[in-house]
């Protein structure tokens, strides 16, 4: 019986030891299971990953590092290091923490590489808005997640150096506005835009400046982002105050800015330097009228008029500016019936005191009209009249009041004719 009592005496300690080991394993398992997974992406961007599935973090750019928990915890810390590399401060080592009791977020190593104002937490989801310095060493880093002092999970994260690679292209913008009228126009309906093509791993946004009309020209959709490996189109908006007729040439400069840059010592390396230029023309004139600038005077005329053979046509011209002009009209293969300004008949050459006036050049008899008129400023004088001009005038004087030449038969209609300003 003695051996049996001895066996029972030793059995107690063995059962106690096994119970202690089992208890320790059971208490540690929930802590390791508290972290379900970890995701990483830049604000507003889709997550990036390597071919092997490791999440990508771009150095120098803020990222949202989300920790999803399977159970509530009291505090969480993330240690980020580059295995095998000597400790070199911000090039290889980081730590970020969250404390549930105080609701505080911190960067205990540098007090720089976390955004407490953007980080957030609820019972099972933590989002650390953190970043590495732009000069952090690229490679496969190890992110270890701790609950208190207990390691809960580890993840491989591919850290990449920031790459700025982009292209800029733009249309030549053309706006038309009515004189003396406030205007609000967009280049969107005409399909004219500035294009940013992002071929790098840093989100970009367009910025533009103009040499004139700075307070009236702007980018219509300035908050749009050229996402990583994508492009974006930016439209120009014109909110113009009332102006007299004019042609205003504008030179624009487009450039990009990197988004979500961590303001540390390496930020200077993320500095887009390439600029693009584009042109913009604002034509302030009546719709359907061509604009010509002669000195300080703007001449508005219809691009063309239609006149039946032998009929009387009216051609309206608008002249405005800041100097007097000498106005001369030439008509080829037709007869000028009269010209009027402000209801007053003009005799040529006519000198006009231009403010914001209206000239109606009207009532000539059309016959294969090729050129309607010419304006020269006071400094240029009258156009030269040579042999061809005198021959035309002699020919026109031989036409009678009915539009017939000499003893011939009455004229026959030859259809419509078009005259263009040149």
Foldseek 3Di string as FASTA:
>chain_A
DVVVVVVVVVVVVVVVVVVVVVVVVVVQVLLLQFFPDKFKDAVPADWDADPVGATEAEAQFWMKIKTFTPFFAFKKKKWKAAPPDPDDDLQGTWMWMAGNVVRDIATVRPRFFWDSVPWDDDRGMTITGGHGHLNHDFDWMKIWMHRPPHTRDIGTYTYHHWDWDKDKDWDAAEAEAEAQDWDKDKCVVVPTWMKIFTATQFKKFKDKAKPPPRVFKDWPCRVDIQHHRGMDTIMMIGGDHHHGFDKDKMKMKMWMATPRGRPDPRSVVRGTDDMDMHMYIYGHHDPQWDWDDAPFKIKTWHQKDKDWAFGWWKTWMWMAGQAKWFFDWDWFQKAQPFWDWPNHTDDPRDIDGHHGTIIIRTTITDDQTAETGDTHGPVVDDDDQDDVNVVRVVQVVQQDPQRDGDPDDRDDIPGMHMYGHD
